[in-house]
Amino acid sequence: MSNLMILVAGPYRSGTNDDPALMQKNLDYLESVTLQLFRAGHLPVIGEWVALPLLKLAGSKVPGDGPYEEILYPVAERLLHKCDAILRLEGESKGADEDVRIGKERGLQIFYHLADVPGCA
């Protein structure tokens, strides 16, 4: 089994009406699969893990403001240049759907269930 760098994609801002508690709940959901991925020998990454500190440094105050638009989705796109695969978790998300579209264009493996990832069955 090869070790994969896997972008975990799913809802973050979608469906939250920008409620910070709901956004955190979505991040917790994304993070819920990362330990199992890691223990299976993979390197899980979530765009928000990279973007959130950058947003703070850039002075973002609310989701959708200038720094947010400058940083959040471009981080995921840049990560996709380095990733081998995407694990697309359930839930409506335009950003995650865009990640999958880009991933398919780049020939990345796309998984829709944790059990489909090598070593995670």
PDB file of N, CA and C in Angstrom:
ATOM      1  N   MET A   1       0.851  -1.196   0.000  1.00  0.00           N
ATOM      2  CA  MET A   1       0.000   0.000   0.000  1.00  0.00           C
ATOM      3  C   MET A   1       0.884   1.242   0.000  1.00  0.00           C
ATOM      4  N   SER A   2       0.583   2.143  -0.891  1.00  0.00           N
ATOM      5  CA  SER A   2       1.358   3.381  -0.908  1.00  0.00           C
ATOM      6  C   SER A   2       0.722   4.384   0.047  1.00  0.00           C
ATOM      7  N   ASN A   3       1.571   5.183   0.660  1.00  0.00           N
ATOM      8  CA  ASN A   3       1.073   6.231   1.547  1.00  0.00           C
ATOM      9  C   ASN A   3       0.614   7.395   0.696  1.00  0.00           C
ATOM     10  N   LEU A   4      -0.579   7.853   0.934  1.00  0.00           N
ATOM     11  CA  LEU A   4      -1.165   8.927   0.145  1.00  0.00           C
ATOM     12  C   LEU A   4      -1.308  10.197   0.975  1.00  0.00           C
ATOM     13  N   MET A   5      -1.108  11.331   0.332  1.00  0.00           N
ATOM     14  CA  MET A   5      -1.485  12.608   0.925  1.00  0.00           C
ATOM     15  C   MET A   5      -2.917  12.855   0.456  1.00  0.00           C
ATOM     16  N   ILE A   6      -3.843  12.900   1.410  1.00  0.00           N
ATOM     17  CA  ILE A   6      -5.267  12.922   1.087  1.00  0.00           C
ATOM     18  C   ILE A   6      -5.908  14.211   1.600  1.00  0.00           C
ATOM     19  N   LEU A   7      -6.482  14.970   0.683  1.00  0.00           N
ATOM     20  CA  LEU A   7      -7.255  16.148   1.070  1.00  0.00           C
ATOM     21  C   LEU A   7      -8.637  15.677   1.508  1.00  0.00           C
ATOM     22  N   VAL A   8      -8.998  15.991   2.735  1.00  0.00           N
ATOM     23  CA  VAL A   8     -10.331  15.689   3.237  1.00  0.00           C
ATOM     24  C   VAL A   8     -11.214  16.883   2.885  1.00  0.00           C
ATOM     25  N   ALA A   9     -12.221  16.641   2.053  1.00  0.00           N
ATOM     26  CA  ALA A   9     -13.087  17.713   1.551  1.00  0.00           C
ATOM     27  C   ALA A   9     -14.529  17.445   1.953  1.00  0.00           C
ATOM     28  N   GLY A  10     -15.205  18.504   2.325  1.00  0.00           N
ATOM     29  CA  GLY A  10     -16.607  18.417   2.714  1.00  0.00           C
ATOM     30  C   GLY A  10     -17.076  19.782   3.154  1.00  0.00           C
ATOM     31  N   PRO A  11     -18.253  19.839   3.743  1.00  0.00           N
ATOM     32  CA  PRO A  11     -18.795  21.148   4.135  1.00  0.00           C
ATOM     33  C   PRO A  11     -17.977  21.805   5.243  1.00  0.00           C
ATOM     34  N   TYR A  12     -17.740  23.084   5.082  1.00  0.00           N
ATOM     35  CA  TYR A  12     -17.156  23.903   6.149  1.00  0.00           C
ATOM     36  C   TYR A  12     -18.090  25.086   6.404  1.00  0.00           C
ATOM     37  N   ARG A  13     -18.207  25.950   5.439  1.00  0.00           N
ATOM     38  CA  ARG A  13     -19.078  27.120   5.582  1.00  0.00           C
ATOM     39  C   ARG A  13     -20.514  26.819   5.143  1.00  0.00           C
ATOM     40  N   SER A  14     -20.660  25.886   4.213  1.00  0.00           N
ATOM     41  CA  SER A  14     -21.966  25.569   3.631  1.00  0.00           C
ATOM     42  C   SER A  14     -22.982  25.199   4.704  1.00  0.00           C
ATOM     43  N   GLY A  15     -24.160  25.779   4.573  1.00  0.00           N
ATOM     44  CA  GLY A  15     -25.266  25.450   5.459  1.00  0.00           C
ATOM     45  C   GLY A  15     -25.166  25.996   6.863  1.00  0.00           C
ATOM     46  N   THR A  16     -24.196  26.869   7.116  1.00  0.00           N
ATOM     47  CA  THR A  16     -23.999  27.373   8.480  1.00  0.00           C
ATOM     48  C   THR A  16     -24.562  28.777   8.695  1.00  0.00           C
ATOM     49  N   ASN A  17     -24.900  29.469   7.600  1.00  0.00           N
ATOM     50  CA  ASN A  17     -25.281  30.883   7.698  1.00  0.00           C
ATOM     51  C   ASN A  17     -24.189  31.668   8.432  1.00  0.00           C
ATOM     52  N   ASP A  18     -22.937  31.222   8.246  1.00  0.00           N
ATOM     53  CA  ASP A  18     -21.742  31.830   8.849  1.00  0.00           C
ATOM     54  C   ASP A  18     -21.740  31.823  10.378  1.00  0.00           C
ATOM     55  N   ASP A  19     -22.491  30.893  10.978  1.00  0.00           N
ATOM     56  CA  ASP A  19     -22.490  30.727  12.437  1.00  0.00           C
ATOM     57  C   ASP A  19     -21.186  30.028  12.829  1.00  0.00           C
ATOM     58  N   PRO A  20     -20.332  30.693  13.625  1.00  0.00           N
ATOM     59  CA  PRO A  20     -19.032  30.108  13.977  1.00  0.00           C
ATOM     60  C   PRO A  20     -19.147  28.730  14.646  1.00  0.00           C
ATOM     61  N   ALA A  21     -20.166  28.526  15.455  1.00  0.00           N
ATOM     62  CA  ALA A  21     -20.326  27.230  16.123  1.00  0.00           C
ATOM     63  C   ALA A  21     -20.622  26.132  15.111  1.00  0.00           C
ATOM     64  N   LEU A  22     -21.449  26.436  14.110  1.00  0.00           N
ATOM     65  CA  LEU A  22     -21.767  25.450  13.082  1.00  0.00           C
ATOM     66  C   LEU A  22     -20.572  25.198  12.170  1.00  0.00           C
ATOM     67  N   MET A  23     -19.802  26.243  11.908  1.00  0.00           N
ATOM     68  CA  MET A  23     -18.593  26.071  11.100  1.00  0.00           C
ATOM     69  C   MET A  23     -17.594  25.189  11.849  1.00  0.00           C
ATOM     70  N   GLN A  24     -17.488  25.374  13.154  1.00  0.00           N
ATOM     71  CA  GLN A  24     -16.594  24.526  13.957  1.00  0.00           C
ATOM     72  C   GLN A  24     -17.095  23.082  13.946  1.00  0.00           C
ATOM     73  N   LYS A  25     -18.406  22.909  14.009  1.00  0.00           N
ATOM     74  CA  LYS A  25     -18.987  21.557  13.959  1.00  0.00           C
ATOM     75  C   LYS A  25     -18.628  20.878  12.635  1.00  0.00           C
ATOM     76  N   ASN A  26     -18.678  21.643  11.536  1.00  0.00           N
ATOM     77  CA  ASN A  26     -18.293  21.095  10.238  1.00  0.00           C
ATOM     78  C   ASN A  26     -16.809  20.747  10.207  1.00  0.00           C
ATOM     79  N   LEU A  27     -15.971  21.596  10.797  1.00  0.00           N
ATOM     80  CA  LEU A  27     -14.535  21.299  10.844  1.00  0.00           C
ATOM     81  C   LEU A  27     -14.290  20.036  11.675  1.00  0.00           C
ATOM     82  N   ASP A  28     -15.016  19.908  12.784  1.00  0.00           N
ATOM     83  CA  ASP A  28     -14.896  18.697  13.600  1.00  0.00           C
ATOM     84  C   ASP A  28     -15.266  17.463  12.778  1.00  0.00           C
ATOM     85  N   TYR A  29     -16.288  17.588  11.943  1.00  0.00           N
ATOM     86  CA  TYR A  29     -16.720  16.497  11.065  1.00  0.00           C
ATOM     87  C   TYR A  29     -15.603  16.139  10.080  1.00  0.00           C
ATOM     88  N   LEU A  30     -14.988  17.146   9.456  1.00  0.00           N
ATOM     89  CA  LEU A  30     -13.876  16.892   8.540  1.00  0.00           C
ATOM     90  C   LEU A  30     -12.729  16.198   9.275  1.00  0.00           C
ATOM     91  N   GLU A  31     -12.441  16.666  10.470  1.00  0.00           N
ATOM     92  CA  GLU A  31     -11.330  16.119  11.235  1.00  0.00           C
ATOM     93  C   GLU A  31     -11.612  14.716  11.765  1.00  0.00           C
ATOM     94  N   SER A  32     -12.871  14.319  11.823  1.00  0.00           N
ATOM     95  CA  SER A  32     -13.246  13.041  12.436  1.00  0.00           C
ATOM     96  C   SER A  32     -12.633  11.833  11.740  1.00  0.00           C
ATOM     97  N   VAL A  33     -12.232  11.969  10.480  1.00  0.00           N
ATOM     98  CA  VAL A  33     -11.654  10.836   9.735  1.00  0.00           C
ATOM     99  C   VAL A  33     -10.127  10.879   9.689  1.00  0.00           C
ATOM    100  N   THR A  34      -9.527  11.950  10.168  1.00  0.00           N
ATOM    101  CA  THR A  34      -8.097  12.153   9.931  1.00  0.00           C
ATOM    102  C   THR A  34      -7.212  11.200  10.724  1.00  0.00           C
ATOM    103  N   LEU A  35      -7.588  10.865  11.940  1.00  0.00           N
ATOM    104  CA  LEU A  35      -6.747   9.960  12.725  1.00  0.00           C
ATOM    105  C   LEU A  35      -6.728   8.574  12.087  1.00  0.00           C
ATOM    106  N   GLN A  36      -7.872   8.103  11.617  1.00  0.00           N
ATOM    107  CA  GLN A  36      -7.917   6.791  10.970  1.00  0.00           C
ATOM    108  C   GLN A  36      -7.077   6.802   9.687  1.00  0.00           C
ATOM    109  N   LEU A  37      -7.151   7.892   8.924  1.00  0.00           N
ATOM    110  CA  LEU A  37      -6.319   8.009   7.726  1.00  0.00           C
ATOM    111  C   LEU A  37      -4.840   7.962   8.095  1.00  0.00           C
ATOM    112  N   PHE A  38      -4.475   8.704   9.119  1.00  0.00           N
ATOM    113  CA  PHE A  38      -3.080   8.753   9.558  1.00  0.00           C
ATOM    114  C   PHE A  38      -2.603   7.377  10.007  1.00  0.00           C
ATOM    115  N   ARG A  39      -3.422   6.709  10.805  1.00  0.00           N
ATOM    116  CA  ARG A  39      -3.038   5.392  11.316  1.00  0.00           C
ATOM    117  C   ARG A  39      -2.953   4.350  10.202  1.00  0.00           C
ATOM    118  N   ALA A  40      -3.620   4.606   9.082  1.00  0.00           N
ATOM    119  CA  ALA A  40      -3.538   3.712   7.924  1.00  0.00           C
ATOM    120  C   ALA A  40      -2.297   4.007   7.078  1.00  0.00           C
ATOM    121  N   GLY A  41      -1.503   4.986   7.505  1.00  0.00           N
ATOM    122  CA  GLY A  41      -0.259   5.287   6.809  1.00  0.00           C
ATOM    123  C   GLY A  41      -0.322   6.477   5.876  1.00  0.00           C
ATOM    124  N   HIS A  42      -1.446   7.169   5.854  1.00  0.00           N
ATOM    125  CA  HIS A  42      -1.613   8.307   4.955  1.00  0.00           C
ATOM    126  C   HIS A  42      -1.352   9.626   5.692  1.00  0.00           C
ATOM    127  N   LEU A  43      -1.236  10.704   4.919  1.00  0.00           N
ATOM    128  CA  LEU A  43      -1.119  12.043   5.502  1.00  0.00           C
ATOM    129  C   LEU A  43      -2.391  12.813   5.159  1.00  0.00           C
ATOM    130  N   PRO A  44      -3.308  12.927   6.119  1.00  0.00           N
ATOM    131  CA  PRO A  44      -4.531  13.694   5.857  1.00  0.00           C
ATOM    132  C   PRO A  44      -4.260  15.186   5.977  1.00  0.00           C
ATOM    133  N   VAL A  45      -4.879  15.953   5.089  1.00  0.00           N
ATOM    134  CA  VAL A  45      -4.811  17.413   5.168  1.00  0.00           C
ATOM    135  C   VAL A  45      -6.209  17.981   4.951  1.00  0.00           C
ATOM    136  N   ILE A  46      -6.457  19.089   5.611  1.00  0.00           N
ATOM    137  CA  ILE A  46      -7.724  19.813   5.465  1.00  0.00           C
ATOM    138  C   ILE A  46      -7.351  21.247   5.134  1.00  0.00           C
ATOM    139  N   GLY A  47      -7.968  21.785   4.103  1.00  0.00           N
ATOM    140  CA  GLY A  47      -7.630  23.139   3.678  1.00  0.00           C
ATOM    141  C   GLY A  47      -7.708  24.160   4.798  1.00  0.00           C
ATOM    142  N   GLU A  48      -8.702  24.009   5.666  1.00  0.00           N
ATOM    143  CA  GLU A  48      -8.875  24.977   6.755  1.00  0.00           C
ATOM    144  C   GLU A  48      -7.712  24.939   7.743  1.00  0.00           C
ATOM    145  N   TRP A  49      -7.034  23.801   7.844  1.00  0.00           N
ATOM    146  CA  TRP A  49      -5.868  23.737   8.734  1.00  0.00           C
ATOM    147  C   TRP A  49      -4.794  24.711   8.292  1.00  0.00           C
ATOM    148  N   VAL A  50      -4.693  24.930   7.002  1.00  0.00           N
ATOM    149  CA  VAL A  50      -3.717  25.870   6.460  1.00  0.00           C
ATOM    150  C   VAL A  50      -4.323  27.271   6.385  1.00  0.00           C
ATOM    151  N   ALA A  51      -5.583  27.351   5.977  1.00  0.00           N
ATOM    152  CA  ALA A  51      -6.210  28.641   5.714  1.00  0.00           C
ATOM    153  C   ALA A  51      -6.521  29.440   6.977  1.00  0.00           C
ATOM    154  N   LEU A  52      -6.987  28.789   8.026  1.00  0.00           N
ATOM    155  CA  LEU A  52      -7.438  29.546   9.200  1.00  0.00           C
ATOM    156  C   LEU A  52      -6.348  30.400   9.829  1.00  0.00           C
ATOM    157  N   PRO A  53      -5.120  29.896  10.026  1.00  0.00           N
ATOM    158  CA  PRO A  53      -4.070  30.786  10.549  1.00  0.00           C
ATOM    159  C   PRO A  53      -3.741  31.927   9.589  1.00  0.00           C
ATOM    160  N   LEU A  54      -3.783  31.641   8.283  1.00  0.00           N
ATOM    161  CA  LEU A  54      -3.523  32.705   7.304  1.00  0.00           C
ATOM    162  C   LEU A  54      -4.620  33.768   7.347  1.00  0.00           C
ATOM    163  N   LEU A  55      -5.870  33.330   7.499  1.00  0.00           N
ATOM    164  CA  LEU A  55      -6.981  34.284   7.594  1.00  0.00           C
ATOM    165  C   LEU A  55      -6.797  35.208   8.787  1.00  0.00           C
ATOM    166  N   LYS A  56      -6.380  34.635   9.903  1.00  0.00           N
ATOM    167  CA  LYS A  56      -6.140  35.442  11.105  1.00  0.00           C
ATOM    168  C   LYS A  56      -5.048  36.473  10.833  1.00  0.00           C
ATOM    169  N   LEU A  57      -3.941  36.013  10.235  1.00  0.00           N
ATOM    170  CA  LEU A  57      -2.830  36.926   9.939  1.00  0.00           C
ATOM    171  C   LEU A  57      -3.233  38.013   8.946  1.00  0.00           C
ATOM    172  N   ALA A  58      -4.118  37.670   8.016  1.00  0.00           N
ATOM    173  CA  ALA A  58      -4.552  38.624   6.991  1.00  0.00           C
ATOM    174  C   ALA A  58      -5.621  39.584   7.503  1.00  0.00           C
ATOM    175  N   GLY A  59      -6.101  39.368   8.721  1.00  0.00           N
ATOM    176  CA  GLY A  59      -7.081  40.277   9.301  1.00  0.00           C
ATOM    177  C   GLY A  59      -8.521  39.996   8.909  1.00  0.00           C
ATOM    178  N   SER A  60      -8.804  38.790   8.469  1.00  0.00           N
ATOM    179  CA  SER A  60     -10.188  38.444   8.126  1.00  0.00           C
ATOM    180  C   SER A  60     -11.058  38.559   9.369  1.00  0.00           C
ATOM    181  N   LYS A  61     -12.210  39.190   9.200  1.00  0.00           N
ATOM    182  CA  LYS A  61     -13.130  39.390  10.330  1.00  0.00           C
ATOM    183  C   LYS A  61     -14.368  38.510  10.232  1.00  0.00           C
ATOM    184  N   VAL A  62     -14.841  38.283   9.014  1.00  0.00           N
ATOM    185  CA  VAL A  62     -16.055  37.481   8.812  1.00  0.00           C
ATOM    186  C   VAL A  62     -15.888  36.623   7.558  1.00  0.00           C
ATOM    187  N   PRO A  63     -16.529  35.455   7.543  1.00  0.00           N
ATOM    188  CA  PRO A  63     -16.475  34.626   6.335  1.00  0.00           C
ATOM    189  C   PRO A  63     -16.980  35.417   5.120  1.00  0.00           C
ATOM    190  N   GLY A  64     -16.232  35.314   4.044  1.00  0.00           N
ATOM    191  CA  GLY A  64     -16.624  35.986   2.813  1.00  0.00           C
ATOM    192  C   GLY A  64     -16.000  37.346   2.613  1.00  0.00           C
ATOM    193  N   ASP A  65     -15.272  37.863   3.624  1.00  0.00           N
ATOM    194  CA  ASP A  65     -14.633  39.170   3.434  1.00  0.00           C
ATOM    195  C   ASP A  65     -13.435  39.018   2.487  1.00  0.00           C
ATOM    196  N   GLY A  66     -12.766  40.117   2.208  1.00  0.00           N
ATOM    197  CA  GLY A  66     -11.682  40.110   1.229  1.00  0.00           C
ATOM    198  C   GLY A  66     -10.602  39.076   1.506  1.00  0.00           C
ATOM    199  N   PRO A  67     -10.022  39.084   2.723  1.00  0.00           N
ATOM    200  CA  PRO A  67      -8.992  38.095   3.009  1.00  0.00           C
ATOM    201  C   PRO A  67      -9.503  36.651   2.896  1.00  0.00           C
ATOM    202  N   TYR A  68     -10.739  36.428   3.305  1.00  0.00           N
ATOM    203  CA  TYR A  68     -11.338  35.091   3.228  1.00  0.00           C
ATOM    204  C   TYR A  68     -11.374  34.612   1.786  1.00  0.00           C
ATOM    205  N   GLU A  69     -11.844  35.487   0.902  1.00  0.00           N
ATOM    206  CA  GLU A  69     -11.927  35.122  -0.520  1.00  0.00           C
ATOM    207  C   GLU A  69     -10.539  34.947  -1.133  1.00  0.00           C
ATOM    208  N   GLU A  70      -9.582  35.751  -0.660  1.00  0.00           N
ATOM    209  CA  GLU A  70      -8.213  35.669  -1.172  1.00  0.00           C
ATOM    210  C   GLU A  70      -7.550  34.351  -0.796  1.00  0.00           C
ATOM    211  N   ILE A  71      -7.912  33.798   0.373  1.00  0.00           N
ATOM    212  CA  ILE A  71      -7.135  32.714   0.957  1.00  0.00           C
ATOM    213  C   ILE A  71      -7.844  31.354   0.959  1.00  0.00           C
ATOM    214  N   LEU A  72      -9.101  31.286   1.377  1.00  0.00           N
ATOM    215  CA  LEU A  72      -9.694  29.987   1.699  1.00  0.00           C
ATOM    216  C   LEU A  72      -9.668  28.998   0.540  1.00  0.00           C
ATOM    217  N   TYR A  73     -10.304  29.312  -0.566  1.00  0.00           N
ATOM    218  CA  TYR A  73     -10.356  28.357  -1.671  1.00  0.00           C
ATOM    219  C   TYR A  73      -9.014  28.206  -2.391  1.00  0.00           C
ATOM    220  N   PRO A  74      -8.244  29.291  -2.553  1.00  0.00           N
ATOM    221  CA  PRO A  74      -6.919  29.108  -3.161  1.00  0.00           C
ATOM    222  C   PRO A  74      -6.011  28.151  -2.377  1.00  0.00           C
ATOM    223  N   VAL A  75      -6.154  28.112  -1.051  1.00  0.00           N
ATOM    224  CA  VAL A  75      -5.357  27.167  -0.263  1.00  0.00           C
ATOM    225  C   VAL A  75      -5.668  25.740  -0.696  1.00  0.00           C
ATOM    226  N   ALA A  76      -6.942  25.410  -0.805  1.00  0.00           N
ATOM    227  CA  ALA A  76      -7.321  24.051  -1.206  1.00  0.00           C
ATOM    228  C   ALA A  76      -6.798  23.741  -2.605  1.00  0.00           C
ATOM    229  N   GLU A  77      -6.912  24.701  -3.493  1.00  0.00           N
ATOM    230  CA  GLU A  77      -6.430  24.469  -4.859  1.00  0.00           C
ATOM    231  C   GLU A  77      -4.927  24.211  -4.861  1.00  0.00           C
ATOM    232  N   ARG A  78      -4.179  24.970  -4.072  1.00  0.00           N
ATOM    233  CA  ARG A  78      -2.727  24.766  -4.008  1.00  0.00           C
ATOM    234  C   ARG A  78      -2.398  23.422  -3.363  1.00  0.00           C
ATOM    235  N   LEU A  79      -3.156  23.054  -2.334  1.00  0.00           N
ATOM    236  CA  LEU A  79      -2.930  21.751  -1.713  1.00  0.00           C
ATOM    237  C   LEU A  79      -3.150  20.621  -2.712  1.00  0.00           C
ATOM    238  N   LEU A  80      -4.124  20.798  -3.588  1.00  0.00           N
ATOM    239  CA  LEU A  80      -4.422  19.761  -4.565  1.00  0.00           C
ATOM    240  C   LEU A  80      -3.259  19.510  -5.526  1.00  0.00           C
ATOM    241  N   HIS A  81      -2.369  20.483  -5.675  1.00  0.00           N
ATOM    242  CA  HIS A  81      -1.178  20.275  -6.500  1.00  0.00           C
ATOM    243  C   HIS A  81      -0.229  19.282  -5.835  1.00  0.00           C
ATOM    244  N   LYS A  82      -0.345  19.105  -4.528  1.00  0.00           N
ATOM    245  CA  LYS A  82       0.556  18.241  -3.767  1.00  0.00           C
ATOM    246  C   LYS A  82      -0.094  16.921  -3.351  1.00  0.00           C
ATOM    247  N   CYS A  83      -1.426  16.875  -3.354  1.00  0.00           N
ATOM    248  CA  CYS A  83      -2.138  15.694  -2.863  1.00  0.00           C
ATOM    249  C   CYS A  83      -2.201  14.593  -3.918  1.00  0.00           C
ATOM    250  N   ASP A  84      -2.342  13.369  -3.413  1.00  0.00           N
ATOM    251  CA  ASP A  84      -2.496  12.195  -4.268  1.00  0.00           C
ATOM    252  C   ASP A  84      -3.958  11.803  -4.422  1.00  0.00           C
ATOM    253  N   ALA A  85      -4.778  12.230  -3.470  1.00  0.00           N
ATOM    254  CA  ALA A  85      -6.169  11.770  -3.437  1.00  0.00           C
ATOM    255  C   ALA A  85      -7.027  12.764  -2.671  1.00  0.00           C
ATOM    256  N   ILE A  86      -8.338  12.586  -2.818  1.00  0.00           N
ATOM    257  CA  ILE A  86      -9.338  13.370  -2.083  1.00  0.00           C
ATOM    258  C   ILE A  86     -10.299  12.389  -1.433  1.00  0.00           C
ATOM    259  N   LEU A  87     -10.623  12.637  -0.187  1.00  0.00           N
ATOM    260  CA  LEU A  87     -11.723  11.944   0.469  1.00  0.00           C
ATOM    261  C   LEU A  87     -12.852  12.960   0.589  1.00  0.00           C
ATOM    262  N   ARG A  88     -13.881  12.756  -0.227  1.00  0.00           N
ATOM    263  CA  ARG A  88     -15.030  13.699  -0.249  1.00  0.00           C
ATOM    264  C   ARG A  88     -16.075  13.179   0.713  1.00  0.00           C
ATOM    265  N   LEU A  89     -16.204  13.859   1.848  1.00  0.00           N
ATOM    266  CA  LEU A  89     -17.209  13.484   2.836  1.00  0.00           C
ATOM    267  C   LEU A  89     -18.582  13.988   2.413  1.00  0.00           C
ATOM    268  N   GLU A  90     -19.614  13.347   2.945  1.00  0.00           N
ATOM    269  CA  GLU A  90     -20.986  13.725   2.612  1.00  0.00           C
ATOM    270  C   GLU A  90     -21.296  15.133   3.093  1.00  0.00           C
ATOM    271  N   GLY A  91     -22.218  15.761   2.405  1.00  0.00           N
ATOM    272  CA  GLY A  91     -22.679  17.087   2.777  1.00  0.00           C
ATOM    273  C   GLY A  91     -22.506  18.065   1.641  1.00  0.00           C
ATOM    274  N   GLU A  92     -23.474  18.951   1.505  1.00  0.00           N
ATOM    275  CA  GLU A  92     -23.444  19.935   0.432  1.00  0.00           C
ATOM    276  C   GLU A  92     -22.284  20.901   0.644  1.00  0.00           C
ATOM    277  N   SER A  93     -21.476  21.089  -0.397  1.00  0.00           N
ATOM    278  CA  SER A  93     -20.350  22.012  -0.327  1.00  0.00           C
ATOM    279  C   SER A  93     -19.877  22.326  -1.733  1.00  0.00           C
ATOM    280  N   LYS A  94     -20.053  23.581  -2.143  1.00  0.00           N
ATOM    281  CA  LYS A  94     -19.563  23.986  -3.460  1.00  0.00           C
ATOM    282  C   LYS A  94     -18.042  23.886  -3.520  1.00  0.00           C
ATOM    283  N   GLY A  95     -17.379  24.261  -2.431  1.00  0.00           N
ATOM    284  CA  GLY A  95     -15.920  24.209  -2.396  1.00  0.00           C
ATOM    285  C   GLY A  95     -15.406  22.790  -2.533  1.00  0.00           C
ATOM    286  N   ALA A  96     -16.018  21.854  -1.813  1.00  0.00           N
ATOM    287  CA  ALA A  96     -15.589  20.452  -1.893  1.00  0.00           C
ATOM    288  C   ALA A  96     -15.891  19.877  -3.271  1.00  0.00           C
ATOM    289  N   ASP A  97     -17.021  20.266  -3.846  1.00  0.00           N
ATOM    290  CA  ASP A  97     -17.344  19.811  -5.202  1.00  0.00           C
ATOM    291  C   ASP A  97     -16.309  20.338  -6.199  1.00  0.00           C
ATOM    292  N   GLU A  98     -15.857  21.565  -5.991  1.00  0.00           N
ATOM    293  CA  GLU A  98     -14.827  22.142  -6.846  1.00  0.00           C
ATOM    294  C   GLU A  98     -13.499  21.398  -6.649  1.00  0.00           C
ATOM    295  N   ASP A  99     -13.194  21.038  -5.403  1.00  0.00           N
ATOM    296  CA  ASP A  99     -11.987  20.249  -5.141  1.00  0.00           C
ATOM    297  C   ASP A  99     -12.023  18.946  -5.932  1.00  0.00           C
ATOM    298  N   VAL A 100     -13.172  18.272  -5.916  1.00  0.00           N
ATOM    299  CA  VAL A 100     -13.310  17.001  -6.634  1.00  0.00           C
ATOM    300  C   VAL A 100     -13.157  17.224  -8.139  1.00  0.00           C
ATOM    301  N   ARG A 101     -13.753  18.301  -8.644  1.00  0.00           N
ATOM    302  CA  ARG A 101     -13.640  18.592 -10.073  1.00  0.00           C
ATOM    303  C   ARG A 101     -12.168  18.772 -10.458  1.00  0.00           C
ATOM    304  N   ILE A 102     -11.453  19.574  -9.685  1.00  0.00           N
ATOM    305  CA  ILE A 102     -10.034  19.816  -9.945  1.00  0.00           C
ATOM    306  C   ILE A 102      -9.248  18.518  -9.788  1.00  0.00           C
ATOM    307  N   GLY A 103      -9.558  17.766  -8.759  1.00  0.00           N
ATOM    308  CA  GLY A 103      -8.875  16.506  -8.530  1.00  0.00           C
ATOM    309  C   GLY A 103      -9.042  15.534  -9.683  1.00  0.00           C
ATOM    310  N   LYS A 104     -10.251  15.458 -10.218  1.00  0.00           N
ATOM    311  CA  LYS A 104     -10.496  14.582 -11.360  1.00  0.00           C
ATOM    312  C   LYS A 104      -9.696  15.040 -12.568  1.00  0.00           C
ATOM    313  N   GLU A 105      -9.661  16.358 -12.800  1.00  0.00           N
ATOM    314  CA  GLU A 105      -8.867  16.902 -13.906  1.00  0.00           C
ATOM    315  C   GLU A 105      -7.403  16.519 -13.777  1.00  0.00           C
ATOM    316  N   ARG A 106      -6.921  16.489 -12.557  1.00  0.00           N
ATOM    317  CA  ARG A 106      -5.500  16.202 -12.304  1.00  0.00           C
ATOM    318  C   ARG A 106      -5.231  14.707 -12.150  1.00  0.00           C
ATOM    319  N   GLY A 107      -6.276  13.894 -12.260  1.00  0.00           N
ATOM    320  CA  GLY A 107      -6.092  12.451 -12.187  1.00  0.00           C
ATOM    321  C   GLY A 107      -5.888  11.907 -10.786  1.00  0.00           C
ATOM    322  N   LEU A 108      -6.326  12.659  -9.776  1.00  0.00           N
ATOM    323  CA  LEU A 108      -6.193  12.179  -8.402  1.00  0.00           C
ATOM    324  C   LEU A 108      -7.212  11.080  -8.128  1.00  0.00           C
ATOM    325  N   GLN A 109      -6.897  10.220  -7.176  1.00  0.00           N
ATOM    326  CA  GLN A 109      -7.877   9.241  -6.712  1.00  0.00           C
ATOM    327  C   GLN A 109      -8.931   9.988  -5.898  1.00  0.00           C
ATOM    328  N   ILE A 110     -10.190   9.655  -6.135  1.00  0.00           N
ATOM    329  CA  ILE A 110     -11.284  10.276  -5.395  1.00  0.00           C
ATOM    330  C   ILE A 110     -11.997   9.177  -4.612  1.00  0.00           C
ATOM    331  N   PHE A 111     -12.063   9.346  -3.315  1.00  0.00           N
ATOM    332  CA  PHE A 111     -12.770   8.409  -2.449  1.00  0.00           C
ATOM    333  C   PHE A 111     -14.001   9.113  -1.883  1.00  0.00           C
ATOM    334  N   TYR A 112     -15.103   8.374  -1.768  1.00  0.00           N
ATOM    335  CA  TYR A 112     -16.333   8.943  -1.221  1.00  0.00           C
ATOM    336  C   TYR A 112     -16.711   8.331   0.124  1.00  0.00           C
ATOM    337  N   HIS A 113     -15.974   7.298   0.520  1.00  0.00           N
ATOM    338  CA  HIS A 113     -16.215   6.648   1.816  1.00  0.00           C
ATOM    339  C   HIS A 113     -14.864   6.304   2.423  1.00  0.00           C
ATOM    340  N   LEU A 114     -14.724   6.517   3.700  1.00  0.00           N
ATOM    341  CA  LEU A 114     -13.472   6.213   4.391  1.00  0.00           C
ATOM    342  C   LEU A 114     -13.064   4.759   4.146  1.00  0.00           C
ATOM    343  N   ALA A 115     -14.033   3.840   4.140  1.00  0.00           N
ATOM    344  CA  ALA A 115     -13.728   2.419   3.955  1.00  0.00           C
ATOM    345  C   ALA A 115     -13.119   2.112   2.591  1.00  0.00           C
ATOM    346  N   ASP A 116     -13.273   3.016   1.637  1.00  0.00           N
ATOM    347  CA  ASP A 116     -12.705   2.805   0.292  1.00  0.00           C
ATOM    348  C   ASP A 116     -11.226   3.179   0.224  1.00  0.00           C
ATOM    349  N   VAL A 117     -10.732   3.905   1.220  1.00  0.00           N
ATOM    350  CA  VAL A 117      -9.325   4.318   1.238  1.00  0.00           C
ATOM    351  C   VAL A 117      -8.473   3.118   1.648  1.00  0.00           C
ATOM    352  N   PRO A 118      -7.395   2.843   0.923  1.00  0.00           N
ATOM    353  CA  PRO A 118      -6.541   1.709   1.275  1.00  0.00           C
ATOM    354  C   PRO A 118      -6.144   1.740   2.755  1.00  0.00           C
ATOM    355  N   GLY A 119      -6.334   0.592   3.419  1.00  0.00           N
ATOM    356  CA  GLY A 119      -5.973   0.474   4.823  1.00  0.00           C
ATOM    357  C   GLY A 119      -7.039   0.922   5.791  1.00  0.00           C
ATOM    358  N   CYS A 120      -8.155   1.446   5.288  1.00  0.00           N
ATOM    359  CA  CYS A 120      -9.195   1.985   6.182  1.00  0.00           C
ATOM    360  C   CYS A 120     -10.478   1.145   6.188  1.00  0.00           C
ATOM    361  N   ALA A 121     -10.462   0.008   5.516  1.00  0.00           N
ATOM    362  CA  ALA A 121     -11.684  -0.814   5.440  1.00  0.00           C
ATOM    363  C   ALA A 121     -12.082  -1.334   6.808  1.00  0.00           C
TER     364      ALA A 121
END
